[in-house]
């Protein structure tokens, strides 16, 4: 929690690599994902979420409900991660706290892959957008 609050991404990565429990709450009853909201819209938040996504993809983080890995991958247009998450059985129709499914986030800021490629993969997985 301290590394996240202070913006120390490397310390956060080391804790995640050591399988820190992201469902634990701080003294003020905030979980890791809640604390990420404090960095809303910043590149720092994206870096923390990239660390969590990488940990989910290699099965170091198993609290999938705490971190919406598929939503993050869709938001940044990370097609390889989207495909891998589909293969891992992540629900393609899940909604986040704002009521958005991963398909709603695809057209946003696809930076790693063209939006059409991401949309194609989602359609192949069986979701109509």
N, C-alpha and C. Protein backbone atom coordinates (compact mmCIF):
# COMPACT_ATOMS: atom_id res chain seq x y z
N UNK A 1 0.81 -1.19 0.00
CA UNK A 1 0.00 0.00 0.00
C UNK A 1 0.86 1.26 0.00
N UNK A 2 1.91 1.23 0.80
CA UNK A 2 2.77 2.40 0.90
C UNK A 2 3.44 2.69 -0.44
N UNK A 3 3.89 1.65 -1.13
CA UNK A 3 4.56 1.87 -2.42
C UNK A 3 3.59 2.46 -3.43
N UNK A 4 2.35 2.03 -3.40
CA UNK A 4 1.34 2.55 -4.32
C UNK A 4 1.01 4.00 -4.00
N UNK A 5 0.79 4.28 -2.73
CA UNK A 5 0.46 5.65 -2.32
C UNK A 5 1.59 6.62 -2.67
N UNK A 6 2.84 6.15 -2.51
CA UNK A 6 3.99 7.02 -2.75
C UNK A 6 4.38 7.06 -4.22
N UNK A 7 3.78 6.20 -5.04
CA UNK A 7 4.11 6.20 -6.47
C UNK A 7 5.38 5.47 -6.82
N UNK A 8 5.80 4.54 -5.97
CA UNK A 8 7.03 3.77 -6.21
C UNK A 8 6.71 2.50 -6.99
N UNK A 9 6.78 2.59 -8.30
CA UNK A 9 6.37 1.46 -9.15
C UNK A 9 7.30 0.26 -9.01
N UNK A 10 8.59 0.48 -8.85
CA UNK A 10 9.53 -0.64 -8.74
C UNK A 10 9.30 -1.42 -7.45
N UNK A 11 9.09 -0.71 -6.35
CA UNK A 11 8.80 -1.39 -5.09
C UNK A 11 7.48 -2.15 -5.19
N UNK A 12 6.51 -1.55 -5.85
CA UNK A 12 5.22 -2.21 -6.07
C UNK A 12 5.39 -3.49 -6.89
N UNK A 13 6.18 -3.41 -7.95
CA UNK A 13 6.43 -4.57 -8.80
C UNK A 13 7.09 -5.70 -7.99
N UNK A 14 8.05 -5.35 -7.15
CA UNK A 14 8.72 -6.36 -6.33
C UNK A 14 7.75 -7.03 -5.36
N UNK A 15 6.85 -6.24 -4.79
CA UNK A 15 5.85 -6.81 -3.88
C UNK A 15 4.88 -7.73 -4.63
N UNK A 16 4.47 -7.32 -5.81
CA UNK A 16 3.57 -8.15 -6.61
C UNK A 16 4.30 -9.43 -7.03
N UNK A 17 5.57 -9.31 -7.41
CA UNK A 17 6.35 -10.49 -7.77
C UNK A 17 6.49 -11.46 -6.58
N UNK A 18 6.47 -10.91 -5.38
CA UNK A 18 6.55 -11.74 -4.17
C UNK A 18 5.17 -12.23 -3.75
N UNK A 19 4.18 -12.03 -4.63
CA UNK A 19 2.80 -12.48 -4.43
C UNK A 19 2.09 -11.78 -3.29
N UNK A 20 2.29 -10.47 -3.17
CA UNK A 20 1.54 -9.69 -2.18
C UNK A 20 0.06 -9.78 -2.51
N UNK A 21 -0.76 -9.81 -1.50
CA UNK A 21 -2.21 -9.94 -1.67
C UNK A 21 -2.82 -8.58 -1.97
N UNK A 22 -3.32 -8.40 -3.20
CA UNK A 22 -3.87 -7.10 -3.57
C UNK A 22 -5.28 -6.89 -3.04
N UNK A 23 -5.84 -7.91 -2.39
CA UNK A 23 -7.17 -7.73 -1.81
C UNK A 23 -7.09 -7.19 -0.38
N UNK A 24 -5.89 -7.16 0.18
CA UNK A 24 -5.71 -6.59 1.52
C UNK A 24 -6.10 -5.11 1.51
N UNK A 25 -6.59 -4.65 2.63
CA UNK A 25 -7.01 -3.25 2.73
C UNK A 25 -6.07 -2.50 3.66
N UNK A 26 -5.94 -1.21 3.38
CA UNK A 26 -5.11 -0.35 4.22
C UNK A 26 -5.87 -0.02 5.51
N UNK A 27 -5.23 0.71 6.39
CA UNK A 27 -5.88 1.10 7.64
C UNK A 27 -7.15 1.91 7.40
N UNK A 28 -7.16 2.66 6.31
CA UNK A 28 -8.35 3.46 6.00
C UNK A 28 -9.30 2.70 5.07
N UNK A 29 -9.18 1.37 5.08
CA UNK A 29 -10.09 0.45 4.36
C UNK A 29 -10.09 0.63 2.85
N UNK A 30 -8.95 0.95 2.27
CA UNK A 30 -8.84 1.05 0.82
C UNK A 30 -8.02 -0.12 0.29
N UNK A 31 -8.52 -0.72 -0.78
CA UNK A 31 -7.79 -1.80 -1.45
C UNK A 31 -6.87 -1.19 -2.50
N UNK A 32 -6.01 -2.02 -3.06
CA UNK A 32 -5.05 -1.56 -4.07
C UNK A 32 -5.77 -0.86 -5.23
N UNK A 33 -6.83 -1.48 -5.71
CA UNK A 33 -7.54 -0.91 -6.86
C UNK A 33 -8.15 0.44 -6.51
N UNK A 34 -8.63 0.59 -5.29
CA UNK A 34 -9.17 1.88 -4.85
C UNK A 34 -8.08 2.95 -4.83
N UNK A 35 -6.91 2.56 -4.38
CA UNK A 35 -5.80 3.49 -4.33
C UNK A 35 -5.34 3.90 -5.73
N UNK A 36 -5.51 3.01 -6.70
CA UNK A 36 -5.16 3.34 -8.08
C UNK A 36 -5.99 4.51 -8.59
N UNK A 37 -7.21 4.63 -8.08
CA UNK A 37 -8.08 5.72 -8.51
C UNK A 37 -7.48 7.09 -8.15
N UNK A 38 -6.63 7.11 -7.12
CA UNK A 38 -5.97 8.37 -6.74
C UNK A 38 -5.02 8.87 -7.82
N UNK A 39 -4.57 7.98 -8.66
CA UNK A 39 -3.67 8.33 -9.75
C UNK A 39 -4.43 8.38 -11.08
N UNK A 40 -5.73 8.62 -11.01
CA UNK A 40 -6.60 8.57 -12.20
C UNK A 40 -6.05 9.43 -13.33
N UNK A 41 -6.03 8.83 -14.52
CA UNK A 41 -5.61 9.56 -15.71
C UNK A 41 -4.12 9.79 -15.85
N UNK A 42 -3.34 9.27 -14.94
CA UNK A 42 -1.91 9.53 -15.01
C UNK A 42 -1.16 8.35 -15.61
N UNK A 43 0.02 8.64 -16.11
CA UNK A 43 0.86 7.57 -16.64
C UNK A 43 1.32 6.66 -15.50
N UNK A 44 1.35 7.19 -14.29
CA UNK A 44 1.73 6.39 -13.13
C UNK A 44 0.69 5.31 -12.87
N UNK A 45 -0.58 5.65 -12.99
CA UNK A 45 -1.64 4.65 -12.83
C UNK A 45 -1.50 3.56 -13.89
N UNK A 46 -1.24 3.96 -15.14
CA UNK A 46 -1.06 2.97 -16.20
C UNK A 46 0.10 2.05 -15.88
N UNK A 47 1.18 2.58 -15.34
CA UNK A 47 2.34 1.74 -15.01
C UNK A 47 1.99 0.73 -13.93
N UNK A 48 1.26 1.17 -12.88
CA UNK A 48 0.83 0.24 -11.84
C UNK A 48 -0.07 -0.84 -12.42
N UNK A 49 -0.97 -0.44 -13.31
CA UNK A 49 -1.88 -1.42 -13.92
C UNK A 49 -1.14 -2.36 -14.87
N UNK A 50 -0.11 -1.87 -15.54
CA UNK A 50 0.71 -2.75 -16.38
C UNK A 50 1.39 -3.82 -15.52
N UNK A 51 1.87 -3.43 -14.37
CA UNK A 51 2.51 -4.37 -13.45
C UNK A 51 1.50 -5.43 -13.02
N UNK A 52 0.29 -5.00 -12.68
CA UNK A 52 -0.74 -5.95 -12.28
C UNK A 52 -1.14 -6.86 -13.44
N UNK A 53 -1.27 -6.29 -14.64
CA UNK A 53 -1.61 -7.10 -15.81
C UNK A 53 -0.55 -8.17 -16.06
N UNK A 54 0.70 -7.78 -16.02
CA UNK A 54 1.79 -8.75 -16.22
C UNK A 54 1.72 -9.87 -15.19
N UNK A 55 1.41 -9.51 -13.94
CA UNK A 55 1.32 -10.51 -12.88
C UNK A 55 0.13 -11.44 -13.08
N UNK A 56 -0.97 -10.91 -13.57
CA UNK A 56 -2.14 -11.75 -13.87
C UNK A 56 -1.81 -12.73 -14.98
N UNK A 57 -1.13 -12.24 -16.01
CA UNK A 57 -0.81 -13.09 -17.17
C UNK A 57 0.11 -14.24 -16.83
N UNK A 58 0.94 -14.08 -15.81
CA UNK A 58 1.83 -15.18 -15.41
C UNK A 58 1.35 -15.84 -14.11
N UNK A 59 0.10 -15.58 -13.76
CA UNK A 59 -0.59 -16.22 -12.65
C UNK A 59 0.00 -15.90 -11.28
N UNK A 60 0.61 -14.73 -11.12
CA UNK A 60 1.10 -14.33 -9.80
C UNK A 60 0.01 -13.62 -9.02
N UNK A 61 -0.93 -13.00 -9.71
CA UNK A 61 -2.07 -12.35 -9.06
C UNK A 61 -3.30 -13.16 -9.44
N UNK A 62 -4.02 -13.59 -8.42
CA UNK A 62 -5.21 -14.41 -8.69
C UNK A 62 -6.49 -13.73 -8.22
N UNK A 63 -6.40 -12.55 -7.68
CA UNK A 63 -7.59 -11.80 -7.24
C UNK A 63 -8.14 -11.01 -8.41
N UNK A 64 -8.69 -11.74 -9.37
CA UNK A 64 -9.12 -11.11 -10.61
C UNK A 64 -10.23 -10.09 -10.41
N UNK A 65 -11.07 -10.29 -9.40
CA UNK A 65 -12.17 -9.35 -9.19
C UNK A 65 -11.65 -8.00 -8.69
N UNK A 66 -10.49 -8.01 -8.06
CA UNK A 66 -9.92 -6.75 -7.56
C UNK A 66 -9.39 -5.88 -8.69
N UNK A 67 -8.77 -6.51 -9.67
CA UNK A 67 -8.17 -5.78 -10.78
C UNK A 67 -8.80 -6.28 -12.07
N UNK A 68 -9.37 -5.40 -12.84
CA UNK A 68 -10.04 -5.76 -14.09
C UNK A 68 -9.01 -5.81 -15.21
N UNK A 69 -8.29 -6.92 -15.28
CA UNK A 69 -7.19 -7.07 -16.23
C UNK A 69 -7.66 -6.93 -17.67
N UNK A 70 -8.76 -7.56 -18.02
CA UNK A 70 -9.26 -7.51 -19.39
C UNK A 70 -9.69 -6.09 -19.75
N UNK A 71 -10.26 -5.38 -18.82
CA UNK A 71 -10.67 -4.00 -19.06
C UNK A 71 -9.44 -3.11 -19.32
N UNK A 72 -8.41 -3.31 -18.51
CA UNK A 72 -7.19 -2.52 -18.71
C UNK A 72 -6.55 -2.84 -20.05
N UNK A 73 -6.43 -4.13 -20.37
CA UNK A 73 -5.83 -4.53 -21.65
C UNK A 73 -6.61 -3.95 -22.82
N UNK A 74 -7.93 -3.95 -22.73
CA UNK A 74 -8.76 -3.38 -23.79
C UNK A 74 -8.56 -1.87 -23.88
N UNK A 75 -8.51 -1.21 -22.73
CA UNK A 75 -8.36 0.25 -22.71
C UNK A 75 -7.07 0.71 -23.38
N UNK A 76 -5.99 -0.04 -23.17
CA UNK A 76 -4.71 0.37 -23.75
C UNK A 76 -4.45 -0.29 -25.10
N UNK A 77 -5.36 -1.18 -25.52
CA UNK A 77 -5.22 -1.82 -26.83
C UNK A 77 -4.14 -2.88 -26.89
N UNK A 78 -3.93 -3.58 -25.79
CA UNK A 78 -2.90 -4.62 -25.72
C UNK A 78 -3.49 -5.94 -26.23
N UNK A 79 -3.45 -6.12 -27.55
CA UNK A 79 -4.06 -7.29 -28.19
C UNK A 79 -3.51 -8.62 -27.69
N UNK A 80 -2.18 -8.79 -27.57
CA UNK A 80 -1.69 -10.08 -27.05
C UNK A 80 -2.24 -10.41 -25.66
N UNK A 81 -2.34 -9.41 -24.81
CA UNK A 81 -2.89 -9.64 -23.46
C UNK A 81 -4.38 -9.97 -23.53
N UNK A 82 -5.11 -9.29 -24.42
CA UNK A 82 -6.54 -9.57 -24.58
C UNK A 82 -6.74 -11.02 -24.99
N UNK A 83 -5.98 -11.46 -25.96
CA UNK A 83 -6.10 -12.84 -26.44
C UNK A 83 -5.76 -13.82 -25.33
N UNK A 84 -4.67 -13.57 -24.61
CA UNK A 84 -4.27 -14.47 -23.53
C UNK A 84 -5.32 -14.51 -22.42
N UNK A 85 -5.88 -13.37 -22.08
CA UNK A 85 -6.91 -13.33 -21.04
C UNK A 85 -8.16 -14.10 -21.48
N UNK A 86 -8.52 -13.99 -22.77
CA UNK A 86 -9.63 -14.79 -23.28
C UNK A 86 -9.32 -16.28 -23.12
N UNK A 87 -8.10 -16.66 -23.47
CA UNK A 87 -7.69 -18.06 -23.36
C UNK A 87 -7.66 -18.53 -21.91
N UNK A 88 -7.43 -17.61 -20.98
CA UNK A 88 -7.41 -17.94 -19.56
C UNK A 88 -8.83 -18.03 -18.99
N UNK A 89 -9.81 -17.69 -19.82
CA UNK A 89 -11.20 -17.81 -19.39
C UNK A 89 -11.81 -16.57 -18.78
N UNK A 90 -11.18 -15.43 -18.98
CA UNK A 90 -11.77 -14.21 -18.44
C UNK A 90 -13.09 -13.93 -19.15
N UNK A 91 -14.11 -13.54 -18.41
CA UNK A 91 -15.43 -13.32 -19.02
C UNK A 91 -15.43 -12.09 -19.92
N UNK A 92 -15.82 -12.29 -21.16
CA UNK A 92 -15.76 -11.20 -22.12
C UNK A 92 -16.91 -10.22 -21.96
N UNK A 93 -17.92 -10.58 -21.20
CA UNK A 93 -19.05 -9.68 -20.98
C UNK A 93 -19.06 -9.07 -19.59
N UNK A 94 -17.95 -9.18 -18.86
CA UNK A 94 -17.91 -8.63 -17.51
C UNK A 94 -17.98 -7.11 -17.56
N UNK A 95 -18.48 -6.52 -16.51
CA UNK A 95 -18.55 -5.06 -16.44
C UNK A 95 -17.72 -4.56 -15.27
N UNK A 96 -17.18 -3.36 -15.44
CA UNK A 96 -16.41 -2.76 -14.37
C UNK A 96 -17.33 -1.94 -13.47
N UNK A 97 -16.75 -1.19 -12.54
CA UNK A 97 -17.54 -0.40 -11.60
C UNK A 97 -18.36 0.68 -12.29
N UNK A 98 -17.96 1.07 -13.48
CA UNK A 98 -18.69 2.08 -14.24
C UNK A 98 -19.75 1.47 -15.16
N UNK A 99 -19.84 0.15 -15.15
CA UNK A 99 -20.81 -0.53 -15.99
C UNK A 99 -20.36 -0.77 -17.41
N UNK A 100 -19.05 -0.63 -17.67
CA UNK A 100 -18.51 -0.83 -19.01
C UNK A 100 -17.94 -2.23 -19.18
N UNK A 101 -18.19 -2.82 -20.34
CA UNK A 101 -17.56 -4.09 -20.68
C UNK A 101 -16.25 -3.77 -21.40
N UNK A 102 -15.36 -4.75 -21.54
CA UNK A 102 -14.11 -4.49 -22.25
C UNK A 102 -14.34 -3.94 -23.66
N UNK A 103 -15.41 -4.38 -24.32
CA UNK A 103 -15.66 -3.89 -25.68
C UNK A 103 -15.96 -2.39 -25.71
N UNK A 104 -16.51 -1.87 -24.64
CA UNK A 104 -16.79 -0.42 -24.57
C UNK A 104 -15.49 0.38 -24.51
N UNK A 105 -14.45 -0.24 -24.02
CA UNK A 105 -13.19 0.46 -23.81
C UNK A 105 -12.26 0.38 -25.01
N UNK A 106 -12.51 -0.55 -25.93
CA UNK A 106 -11.62 -0.76 -27.07
C UNK A 106 -11.37 0.48 -27.92
N UNK A 107 -12.39 1.20 -28.35
CA UNK A 107 -12.12 2.33 -29.24
C UNK A 107 -11.39 3.49 -28.57
N UNK A 108 -11.27 3.47 -27.26
CA UNK A 108 -10.67 4.57 -26.52
C UNK A 108 -9.25 4.94 -26.94
N UNK A 109 -8.28 4.29 -26.31
CA UNK A 109 -6.88 4.66 -26.51
C UNK A 109 -6.06 3.46 -26.93
N UNK A 110 -6.43 2.83 -27.98
CA UNK A 110 -5.67 1.66 -28.43
C UNK A 110 -4.33 2.12 -28.97
N UNK A 111 -3.30 1.86 -28.18
CA UNK A 111 -1.98 2.35 -28.57
C UNK A 111 -1.06 1.25 -29.05
N UNK A 112 -1.26 0.03 -28.59
CA UNK A 112 -0.35 -1.04 -28.97
C UNK A 112 -0.78 -1.74 -30.24
N UNK A 113 -2.07 -1.76 -30.52
CA UNK A 113 -2.60 -2.41 -31.71
C UNK A 113 -3.70 -1.55 -32.29
N UNK A 114 -3.92 -1.63 -33.57
CA UNK A 114 -5.03 -0.90 -34.16
C UNK A 114 -6.36 -1.38 -33.57
N UNK A 115 -7.29 -0.46 -33.42
CA UNK A 115 -8.59 -0.79 -32.85
C UNK A 115 -9.26 -1.92 -33.62
N UNK A 116 -9.13 -1.90 -34.95
CA UNK A 116 -9.78 -2.94 -35.74
C UNK A 116 -9.26 -4.33 -35.38
N UNK A 117 -7.98 -4.47 -35.08
CA UNK A 117 -7.43 -5.76 -34.67
C UNK A 117 -8.00 -6.20 -33.34
N UNK A 118 -8.11 -5.26 -32.40
CA UNK A 118 -8.67 -5.58 -31.10
C UNK A 118 -10.13 -5.98 -31.24
N UNK A 119 -10.88 -5.23 -32.02
CA UNK A 119 -12.29 -5.53 -32.22
C UNK A 119 -12.45 -6.90 -32.87
N UNK A 120 -11.58 -7.20 -33.82
CA UNK A 120 -11.64 -8.49 -34.50
C UNK A 120 -11.45 -9.63 -33.50
N UNK A 121 -10.49 -9.50 -32.60
CA UNK A 121 -10.24 -10.54 -31.61
C UNK A 121 -11.43 -10.70 -30.67
N UNK A 122 -12.03 -9.59 -30.28
CA UNK A 122 -13.20 -9.66 -29.41
C UNK A 122 -14.34 -10.36 -30.12
N UNK A 123 -14.54 -10.04 -31.39
CA UNK A 123 -15.59 -10.69 -32.18
C UNK A 123 -15.33 -12.18 -32.33
N UNK A 124 -14.08 -12.52 -32.57
CA UNK A 124 -13.71 -13.93 -32.69
C UNK A 124 -14.02 -14.66 -31.38
N UNK A 125 -13.81 -13.97 -30.27
CA UNK A 125 -14.06 -14.58 -28.96
C UNK A 125 -15.56 -14.72 -28.68
N UNK A 126 -16.39 -14.12 -29.50
CA UNK A 126 -17.82 -14.33 -29.36
C UNK A 126 -18.60 -13.17 -28.83
N UNK A 127 -18.02 -12.02 -28.73
CA UNK A 127 -18.71 -10.84 -28.21
C UNK A 127 -19.07 -9.93 -29.37
N UNK A 128 -20.30 -9.55 -29.47
CA UNK A 128 -20.67 -8.60 -30.52
C UNK A 128 -20.67 -7.20 -29.94
N UNK A 129 -20.05 -6.28 -30.64
CA UNK A 129 -19.99 -4.89 -30.16
C UNK A 129 -20.76 -3.99 -31.07
